[in-house]
């Protein structure tokens, strides 16, 4: 079971990163009805993979790995979890924006996005990707038992 949950944890983490990469590419291109629809789908994949990643990660922490006491005393793990939750909050802005496009897209129309808002979404996605680098570093440190 431990191997299955480790696999799922990695699968959902890579899916999350792939969805973010797709969003980044699409938001930097000229927006079309089709690319806006793809952004909505990529964001849905991102949200589902983040939720499943959290569920599987907590399950691993409690039942399959070193135990909850180990992780709650691990500063790198706590930073990793804090960054993950911070990124979840950060991702709300693009998600809310993308969801606001649904009515226009159902009508086959291009959603109206001003350039300032688009740059803010781009910056947010870049920030999320940088946060993932911090999470990876913290994960490696937590697995090794400390900051070194």
N, C-alpha and C. Protein backbone atom coordinates (compact mmCIF):
# COMPACT_ATOMS: atom_id res chain seq x y z
N UNK A 1 0.82 -1.20 0.00
CA UNK A 1 0.00 0.00 0.00
C UNK A 1 0.86 1.27 0.00
N UNK A 2 1.96 1.20 0.75
CA UNK A 2 2.85 2.35 0.82
C UNK A 2 3.38 2.72 -0.57
N UNK A 3 3.74 1.72 -1.35
CA UNK A 3 4.25 1.97 -2.70
C UNK A 3 3.17 2.59 -3.58
N UNK A 4 1.96 2.10 -3.47
CA UNK A 4 0.85 2.66 -4.26
C UNK A 4 0.63 4.12 -3.92
N UNK A 5 0.62 4.45 -2.63
CA UNK A 5 0.39 5.84 -2.23
C UNK A 5 1.57 6.74 -2.61
N UNK A 6 2.79 6.22 -2.57
CA UNK A 6 3.95 6.99 -3.04
C UNK A 6 3.81 7.28 -4.53
N UNK A 7 3.41 6.25 -5.29
CA UNK A 7 3.18 6.43 -6.73
C UNK A 7 2.11 7.47 -6.99
N UNK A 8 0.98 7.37 -6.29
CA UNK A 8 -0.11 8.33 -6.49
C UNK A 8 0.32 9.75 -6.13
N UNK A 9 1.09 9.87 -5.06
CA UNK A 9 1.58 11.18 -4.64
C UNK A 9 2.42 11.82 -5.76
N UNK A 10 3.31 11.04 -6.32
CA UNK A 10 4.14 11.54 -7.42
C UNK A 10 3.30 11.81 -8.68
N UNK A 11 2.38 10.93 -8.98
CA UNK A 11 1.52 11.11 -10.15
C UNK A 11 0.73 12.42 -10.06
N UNK A 12 0.12 12.67 -8.92
CA UNK A 12 -0.67 13.90 -8.77
C UNK A 12 0.22 15.14 -8.75
N UNK A 13 1.42 15.01 -8.19
CA UNK A 13 2.34 16.16 -8.18
C UNK A 13 2.78 16.50 -9.61
N UNK A 14 3.13 15.49 -10.39
CA UNK A 14 3.54 15.75 -11.77
C UNK A 14 2.36 16.25 -12.61
N UNK A 15 1.18 15.75 -12.35
CA UNK A 15 -0.01 16.22 -13.07
C UNK A 15 -0.26 17.69 -12.76
N UNK A 16 -0.11 18.07 -11.50
CA UNK A 16 -0.27 19.46 -11.09
C UNK A 16 0.72 20.36 -11.82
N UNK A 17 1.98 19.96 -11.85
CA UNK A 17 3.01 20.76 -12.54
C UNK A 17 2.72 20.85 -14.03
N UNK A 18 2.29 19.74 -14.63
CA UNK A 18 1.97 19.75 -16.06
C UNK A 18 0.81 20.70 -16.34
N UNK A 19 -0.22 20.67 -15.50
CA UNK A 19 -1.36 21.57 -15.69
C UNK A 19 -0.93 23.03 -15.58
N UNK A 20 -0.06 23.32 -14.62
CA UNK A 20 0.45 24.69 -14.49
C UNK A 20 1.26 25.10 -15.71
N UNK A 21 2.06 24.19 -16.24
CA UNK A 21 2.85 24.49 -17.44
C UNK A 21 1.94 24.76 -18.63
N UNK A 22 0.88 23.98 -18.76
CA UNK A 22 -0.08 24.21 -19.85
C UNK A 22 -0.73 25.59 -19.68
N UNK A 23 -1.13 25.91 -18.46
CA UNK A 23 -1.72 27.23 -18.21
C UNK A 23 -0.75 28.34 -18.60
N UNK A 24 0.51 28.17 -18.21
CA UNK A 24 1.51 29.21 -18.50
C UNK A 24 1.67 29.42 -20.00
N UNK A 25 1.77 28.33 -20.74
CA UNK A 25 1.90 28.43 -22.20
C UNK A 25 0.66 29.11 -22.80
N UNK A 26 -0.51 28.67 -22.39
CA UNK A 26 -1.75 29.20 -22.97
C UNK A 26 -1.97 30.67 -22.63
N UNK A 27 -1.65 31.08 -21.41
CA UNK A 27 -1.90 32.46 -21.01
C UNK A 27 -0.92 33.42 -21.67
N UNK A 28 0.21 32.90 -22.16
CA UNK A 28 1.18 33.75 -22.87
C UNK A 28 0.87 33.85 -24.37
N UNK A 29 -0.05 33.03 -24.86
CA UNK A 29 -0.43 33.09 -26.28
C UNK A 29 -1.59 34.06 -26.46
N UNK A 30 -1.87 34.37 -27.72
CA UNK A 30 -3.07 35.14 -28.01
C UNK A 30 -4.28 34.33 -27.57
N UNK A 31 -5.18 34.97 -26.85
CA UNK A 31 -6.35 34.28 -26.34
C UNK A 31 -7.38 34.07 -27.45
N UNK A 32 -7.80 32.82 -27.60
CA UNK A 32 -8.86 32.47 -28.53
C UNK A 32 -9.93 31.74 -27.72
N UNK A 33 -11.07 31.50 -28.35
CA UNK A 33 -12.12 30.74 -27.67
C UNK A 33 -11.59 29.37 -27.28
N UNK A 34 -10.88 28.72 -28.19
CA UNK A 34 -10.36 27.38 -27.90
C UNK A 34 -9.29 27.41 -26.81
N UNK A 35 -8.37 28.38 -26.86
CA UNK A 35 -7.34 28.42 -25.82
C UNK A 35 -7.94 28.77 -24.45
N UNK A 36 -9.00 29.59 -24.44
CA UNK A 36 -9.68 29.90 -23.18
C UNK A 36 -10.35 28.64 -22.62
N UNK A 37 -10.93 27.84 -23.48
CA UNK A 37 -11.53 26.57 -23.03
C UNK A 37 -10.45 25.63 -22.49
N UNK A 38 -9.32 25.60 -23.15
CA UNK A 38 -8.21 24.76 -22.67
C UNK A 38 -7.69 25.24 -21.32
N UNK A 39 -7.66 26.56 -21.13
CA UNK A 39 -7.25 27.09 -19.83
C UNK A 39 -8.21 26.63 -18.73
N UNK A 40 -9.50 26.67 -19.02
CA UNK A 40 -10.48 26.18 -18.04
C UNK A 40 -10.25 24.71 -17.71
N UNK A 41 -10.01 23.90 -18.73
CA UNK A 41 -9.78 22.47 -18.51
C UNK A 41 -8.48 22.24 -17.73
N UNK A 42 -7.42 22.95 -18.11
CA UNK A 42 -6.14 22.80 -17.41
C UNK A 42 -6.28 23.22 -15.95
N UNK A 43 -7.05 24.27 -15.70
CA UNK A 43 -7.24 24.72 -14.33
C UNK A 43 -8.05 23.71 -13.53
N UNK A 44 -9.00 23.05 -14.16
CA UNK A 44 -9.77 22.00 -13.49
C UNK A 44 -8.85 20.83 -13.13
N UNK A 45 -7.98 20.44 -14.06
CA UNK A 45 -7.01 19.37 -13.79
C UNK A 45 -6.09 19.78 -12.65
N UNK A 46 -5.66 21.03 -12.66
CA UNK A 46 -4.81 21.55 -11.59
C UNK A 46 -5.51 21.43 -10.24
N UNK A 47 -6.75 21.87 -10.17
CA UNK A 47 -7.48 21.83 -8.91
C UNK A 47 -7.71 20.42 -8.40
N UNK A 48 -8.11 19.53 -9.29
CA UNK A 48 -8.35 18.13 -8.89
C UNK A 48 -7.05 17.48 -8.45
N UNK A 49 -5.99 17.70 -9.20
CA UNK A 49 -4.71 17.07 -8.83
C UNK A 49 -4.18 17.63 -7.51
N UNK A 50 -4.38 18.92 -7.26
CA UNK A 50 -3.94 19.51 -5.98
C UNK A 50 -4.73 18.91 -4.82
N UNK A 51 -6.03 18.76 -4.99
CA UNK A 51 -6.84 18.16 -3.94
C UNK A 51 -6.45 16.72 -3.66
N UNK A 52 -6.28 15.94 -4.72
CA UNK A 52 -5.88 14.54 -4.56
C UNK A 52 -4.47 14.43 -3.98
N UNK A 53 -3.59 15.33 -4.39
CA UNK A 53 -2.22 15.35 -3.86
C UNK A 53 -2.24 15.58 -2.35
N UNK A 54 -3.07 16.50 -1.91
CA UNK A 54 -3.17 16.78 -0.48
C UNK A 54 -3.73 15.57 0.28
N UNK A 55 -4.78 14.97 -0.25
CA UNK A 55 -5.39 13.80 0.40
C UNK A 55 -4.39 12.64 0.48
N UNK A 56 -3.73 12.35 -0.62
CA UNK A 56 -2.77 11.25 -0.64
C UNK A 56 -1.57 11.59 0.25
N UNK A 57 -1.11 12.83 0.21
CA UNK A 57 0.03 13.23 1.05
C UNK A 57 -0.28 13.10 2.53
N UNK A 58 -1.45 13.54 2.95
CA UNK A 58 -1.84 13.42 4.35
C UNK A 58 -1.98 11.94 4.73
N UNK A 59 -2.53 11.15 3.83
CA UNK A 59 -2.66 9.71 4.07
C UNK A 59 -1.29 9.07 4.26
N UNK A 60 -0.35 9.44 3.41
CA UNK A 60 1.01 8.91 3.55
C UNK A 60 1.60 9.31 4.89
N UNK A 61 1.40 10.57 5.25
CA UNK A 61 1.96 11.10 6.48
C UNK A 61 1.41 10.34 7.70
N UNK A 62 0.13 10.06 7.70
CA UNK A 62 -0.50 9.43 8.87
C UNK A 62 -0.29 7.92 8.89
N UNK A 63 -0.48 7.24 7.75
CA UNK A 63 -0.55 5.79 7.77
C UNK A 63 0.61 5.05 7.12
N UNK A 64 1.33 5.67 6.20
CA UNK A 64 2.25 4.87 5.39
C UNK A 64 3.73 5.23 5.52
N UNK A 65 4.06 6.33 6.07
CA UNK A 65 5.47 6.71 6.12
C UNK A 65 5.96 6.77 7.57
N UNK A 66 6.61 7.83 7.93
CA UNK A 66 7.27 7.91 9.24
C UNK A 66 6.33 8.25 10.40
N UNK A 67 5.10 8.57 10.10
CA UNK A 67 4.14 8.88 11.15
C UNK A 67 3.96 10.38 11.35
N UNK A 68 2.80 10.73 11.85
CA UNK A 68 2.44 12.14 11.96
C UNK A 68 3.37 12.90 12.90
N UNK A 69 3.84 12.25 13.97
CA UNK A 69 4.74 12.93 14.91
C UNK A 69 6.03 13.38 14.24
N UNK A 70 6.58 12.52 13.39
CA UNK A 70 7.80 12.88 12.67
C UNK A 70 7.58 14.14 11.82
N UNK A 71 6.49 14.15 11.08
CA UNK A 71 6.26 15.25 10.14
C UNK A 71 5.88 16.55 10.85
N UNK A 72 5.13 16.46 11.93
CA UNK A 72 4.76 17.70 12.63
C UNK A 72 5.94 18.31 13.37
N UNK A 73 7.01 17.56 13.54
CA UNK A 73 8.23 18.09 14.17
C UNK A 73 9.30 18.45 13.14
N UNK A 74 8.99 18.27 11.87
CA UNK A 74 9.97 18.53 10.80
C UNK A 74 9.74 19.92 10.21
N UNK A 75 10.66 20.83 10.46
CA UNK A 75 10.52 22.18 9.91
C UNK A 75 10.45 22.21 8.39
N UNK A 76 11.29 21.44 7.70
CA UNK A 76 11.16 21.44 6.23
C UNK A 76 9.78 20.98 5.76
N UNK A 77 9.23 19.96 6.44
CA UNK A 77 7.89 19.51 6.06
C UNK A 77 6.85 20.60 6.33
N UNK A 78 6.96 21.27 7.46
CA UNK A 78 5.99 22.31 7.79
C UNK A 78 6.08 23.48 6.80
N UNK A 79 7.30 23.81 6.38
CA UNK A 79 7.47 24.85 5.35
C UNK A 79 6.85 24.37 4.04
N UNK A 80 7.11 23.12 3.68
CA UNK A 80 6.54 22.53 2.46
C UNK A 80 5.02 22.62 2.49
N UNK A 81 4.42 22.21 3.58
CA UNK A 81 2.96 22.25 3.70
C UNK A 81 2.45 23.68 3.66
N UNK A 82 3.14 24.58 4.33
CA UNK A 82 2.74 25.99 4.32
C UNK A 82 2.81 26.60 2.94
N UNK A 83 3.88 26.30 2.20
CA UNK A 83 4.01 26.81 0.83
C UNK A 83 2.91 26.21 -0.05
N UNK A 84 2.63 24.92 0.10
CA UNK A 84 1.57 24.28 -0.68
C UNK A 84 0.23 24.98 -0.43
N UNK A 85 -0.09 25.23 0.83
CA UNK A 85 -1.35 25.89 1.16
C UNK A 85 -1.36 27.34 0.66
N UNK A 86 -0.21 28.00 0.74
CA UNK A 86 -0.10 29.36 0.19
C UNK A 86 -0.32 29.39 -1.31
N UNK A 87 0.22 28.39 -2.00
CA UNK A 87 0.02 28.31 -3.45
C UNK A 87 -1.44 28.02 -3.78
N UNK A 88 -2.10 27.25 -2.93
CA UNK A 88 -3.52 26.98 -3.15
C UNK A 88 -4.32 28.29 -3.10
N UNK A 89 -3.99 29.13 -2.14
CA UNK A 89 -4.65 30.43 -2.04
C UNK A 89 -4.30 31.31 -3.25
N UNK A 90 -3.02 31.30 -3.63
CA UNK A 90 -2.59 32.07 -4.81
C UNK A 90 -3.34 31.67 -6.06
N UNK A 91 -3.59 30.37 -6.19
CA UNK A 91 -4.21 29.87 -7.42
C UNK A 91 -5.68 30.24 -7.53
N UNK A 92 -6.25 30.77 -6.47
CA UNK A 92 -7.66 31.15 -6.53
C UNK A 92 -7.91 32.28 -7.53
N UNK A 93 -7.00 33.24 -7.62
CA UNK A 93 -7.21 34.38 -8.52
C UNK A 93 -7.33 33.94 -9.98
N UNK A 94 -6.39 33.16 -10.51
CA UNK A 94 -6.58 32.70 -11.88
C UNK A 94 -7.83 31.83 -12.04
N UNK A 95 -8.10 30.98 -11.06
CA UNK A 95 -9.27 30.12 -11.16
C UNK A 95 -10.56 30.93 -11.23
N UNK A 96 -10.68 31.92 -10.38
CA UNK A 96 -11.88 32.77 -10.40
C UNK A 96 -12.00 33.48 -11.75
N UNK A 97 -10.88 33.97 -12.26
CA UNK A 97 -10.89 34.63 -13.57
C UNK A 97 -11.33 33.66 -14.66
N UNK A 98 -10.73 32.49 -14.70
CA UNK A 98 -11.07 31.51 -15.74
C UNK A 98 -12.54 31.10 -15.64
N UNK A 99 -13.03 30.91 -14.43
CA UNK A 99 -14.44 30.53 -14.26
C UNK A 99 -15.39 31.64 -14.73
N UNK A 100 -14.93 32.89 -14.62
CA UNK A 100 -15.79 34.00 -15.06
C UNK A 100 -15.95 34.02 -16.58
N UNK A 101 -15.15 33.27 -17.29
CA UNK A 101 -15.21 33.21 -18.75
C UNK A 101 -16.26 32.23 -19.25
N UNK A 102 -16.81 31.39 -18.39
CA UNK A 102 -17.69 30.30 -18.83
C UNK A 102 -18.89 30.78 -19.65
N UNK A 103 -19.54 31.83 -19.22
CA UNK A 103 -20.73 32.29 -19.93
C UNK A 103 -20.39 32.71 -21.35
N UNK A 104 -19.34 33.50 -21.51
CA UNK A 104 -18.93 33.93 -22.84
C UNK A 104 -18.54 32.73 -23.70
N UNK A 105 -17.82 31.79 -23.13
CA UNK A 105 -17.39 30.62 -23.89
C UNK A 105 -18.56 29.75 -24.30
N UNK A 106 -19.57 29.62 -23.43
CA UNK A 106 -20.77 28.85 -23.81
C UNK A 106 -21.47 29.48 -25.01
N UNK A 107 -21.39 30.80 -25.11
CA UNK A 107 -21.99 31.52 -26.23
C UNK A 107 -21.06 31.55 -27.44
N UNK A 108 -19.88 30.90 -27.32
CA UNK A 108 -18.93 30.87 -28.43
C UNK A 108 -18.18 32.18 -28.60
N UNK A 109 -18.17 32.99 -27.56
CA UNK A 109 -17.51 34.30 -27.61
C UNK A 109 -16.21 34.28 -26.83
N UNK A 110 -15.32 35.14 -27.25
CA UNK A 110 -14.04 35.29 -26.57
C UNK A 110 -14.24 36.11 -25.30
N UNK A 111 -13.78 35.62 -24.16
CA UNK A 111 -13.90 36.42 -22.94
C UNK A 111 -13.04 37.68 -23.02
N UNK A 112 -13.50 38.73 -22.40
CA UNK A 112 -12.76 39.99 -22.39
C UNK A 112 -11.82 39.99 -21.19
N UNK A 113 -10.52 40.08 -21.48
CA UNK A 113 -9.50 40.10 -20.42
C UNK A 113 -8.57 41.26 -20.71
N UNK A 114 -8.55 42.23 -19.79
CA UNK A 114 -7.65 43.36 -20.04
C UNK A 114 -6.20 42.92 -19.80
N UNK A 115 -5.29 43.62 -20.42
CA UNK A 115 -3.88 43.23 -20.42
C UNK A 115 -3.29 43.23 -19.00
N UNK A 116 -3.73 44.14 -18.17
CA UNK A 116 -3.23 44.20 -16.79
C UNK A 116 -3.61 42.92 -16.03
N UNK A 117 -4.85 42.50 -16.19
CA UNK A 117 -5.33 41.28 -15.52
C UNK A 117 -4.56 40.06 -16.05
N UNK A 118 -4.35 40.04 -17.33
CA UNK A 118 -3.62 38.92 -17.95
C UNK A 118 -2.19 38.83 -17.43
N UNK A 119 -1.52 39.97 -17.30
CA UNK A 119 -0.16 39.99 -16.75
C UNK A 119 -0.15 39.52 -15.29
N UNK A 120 -1.19 39.87 -14.56
CA UNK A 120 -1.30 39.44 -13.17
C UNK A 120 -1.46 37.91 -13.10
N UNK A 121 -2.25 37.35 -13.99
CA UNK A 121 -2.41 35.89 -14.05
C UNK A 121 -1.07 35.24 -14.41
N UNK A 122 -0.37 35.79 -15.40
CA UNK A 122 0.93 35.26 -15.80
C UNK A 122 1.90 35.26 -14.61
N UNK A 123 1.94 36.38 -13.90
CA UNK A 123 2.85 36.50 -12.75
C UNK A 123 2.47 35.50 -11.66
N UNK A 124 1.19 35.30 -11.46
CA UNK A 124 0.74 34.35 -10.45
C UNK A 124 1.18 32.94 -10.81
N UNK A 125 1.01 32.56 -12.05
CA UNK A 125 1.42 31.21 -12.48
C UNK A 125 2.93 31.04 -12.35
N UNK A 126 3.69 32.07 -12.72
CA UNK A 126 5.15 32.02 -12.52
C UNK A 126 5.46 31.83 -11.03
N UNK A 127 4.76 32.56 -10.18
CA UNK A 127 4.97 32.43 -8.73
C UNK A 127 4.64 31.04 -8.22
N UNK A 128 3.58 30.47 -8.74
CA UNK A 128 3.21 29.10 -8.35
C UNK A 128 4.31 28.12 -8.72
N UNK A 129 4.86 28.27 -9.90
CA UNK A 129 5.94 27.38 -10.34
C UNK A 129 7.19 27.56 -9.48
N UNK A 130 7.49 28.79 -9.08
CA UNK A 130 8.63 29.02 -8.20
C UNK A 130 8.37 28.40 -6.83
N UNK A 131 7.12 28.48 -6.38
CA UNK A 131 6.76 27.86 -5.10
C UNK A 131 6.95 26.36 -5.13
N UNK A 132 6.69 25.75 -6.27
CA UNK A 132 6.89 24.30 -6.41
C UNK A 132 8.36 23.94 -6.25
N UNK A 133 9.25 24.79 -6.72
CA UNK A 133 10.69 24.55 -6.53
C UNK A 133 11.02 24.53 -5.03
N UNK A 134 10.45 25.46 -4.28
CA UNK A 134 10.65 25.49 -2.83
C UNK A 134 10.10 24.21 -2.20
N UNK A 135 8.93 23.78 -2.64
CA UNK A 135 8.33 22.54 -2.12
C UNK A 135 9.25 21.35 -2.38
N UNK A 136 9.81 21.27 -3.57
CA UNK A 136 10.71 20.16 -3.90
C UNK A 136 11.95 20.16 -2.99
N UNK A 137 12.51 21.34 -2.75
CA UNK A 137 13.67 21.44 -1.87
C UNK A 137 13.30 21.00 -0.46
N UNK A 138 12.17 21.48 0.03
CA UNK A 138 11.73 21.12 1.38
C UNK A 138 11.42 19.62 1.49
N UNK A 139 10.85 19.05 0.44
CA UNK A 139 10.54 17.61 0.44
C UNK A 139 11.82 16.80 0.57
N UNK A 140 12.85 17.19 -0.17
CA UNK A 140 14.13 16.48 -0.10
C UNK A 140 14.74 16.61 1.30
N UNK A 141 14.66 17.81 1.89
CA UNK A 141 15.20 18.00 3.23
C UNK A 141 14.40 17.23 4.28
N UNK A 142 13.07 17.23 4.15
CA UNK A 142 12.23 16.51 5.12
C UNK A 142 12.50 15.02 5.06
N UNK A 143 12.70 14.51 3.86
CA UNK A 143 12.96 13.06 3.70
C UNK A 143 14.31 12.67 4.33
N UNK A 144 15.23 13.63 4.41
CA UNK A 144 16.54 13.37 4.96
C UNK A 144 16.62 13.75 6.44
N UNK A 145 15.52 14.28 6.99
CA UNK A 145 15.47 14.53 8.43
C UNK A 145 15.91 15.90 8.90
N UNK A 146 16.04 16.89 8.02
CA UNK A 146 16.40 18.21 8.53
C UNK A 146 16.73 19.20 7.44
N UNK A 147 17.38 20.28 7.86
CA UNK A 147 17.70 21.39 6.95
C UNK A 147 18.93 21.12 6.10
N UNK A 148 19.73 20.17 6.46
CA UNK A 148 20.99 19.94 5.74
C UNK A 148 20.84 18.89 4.67
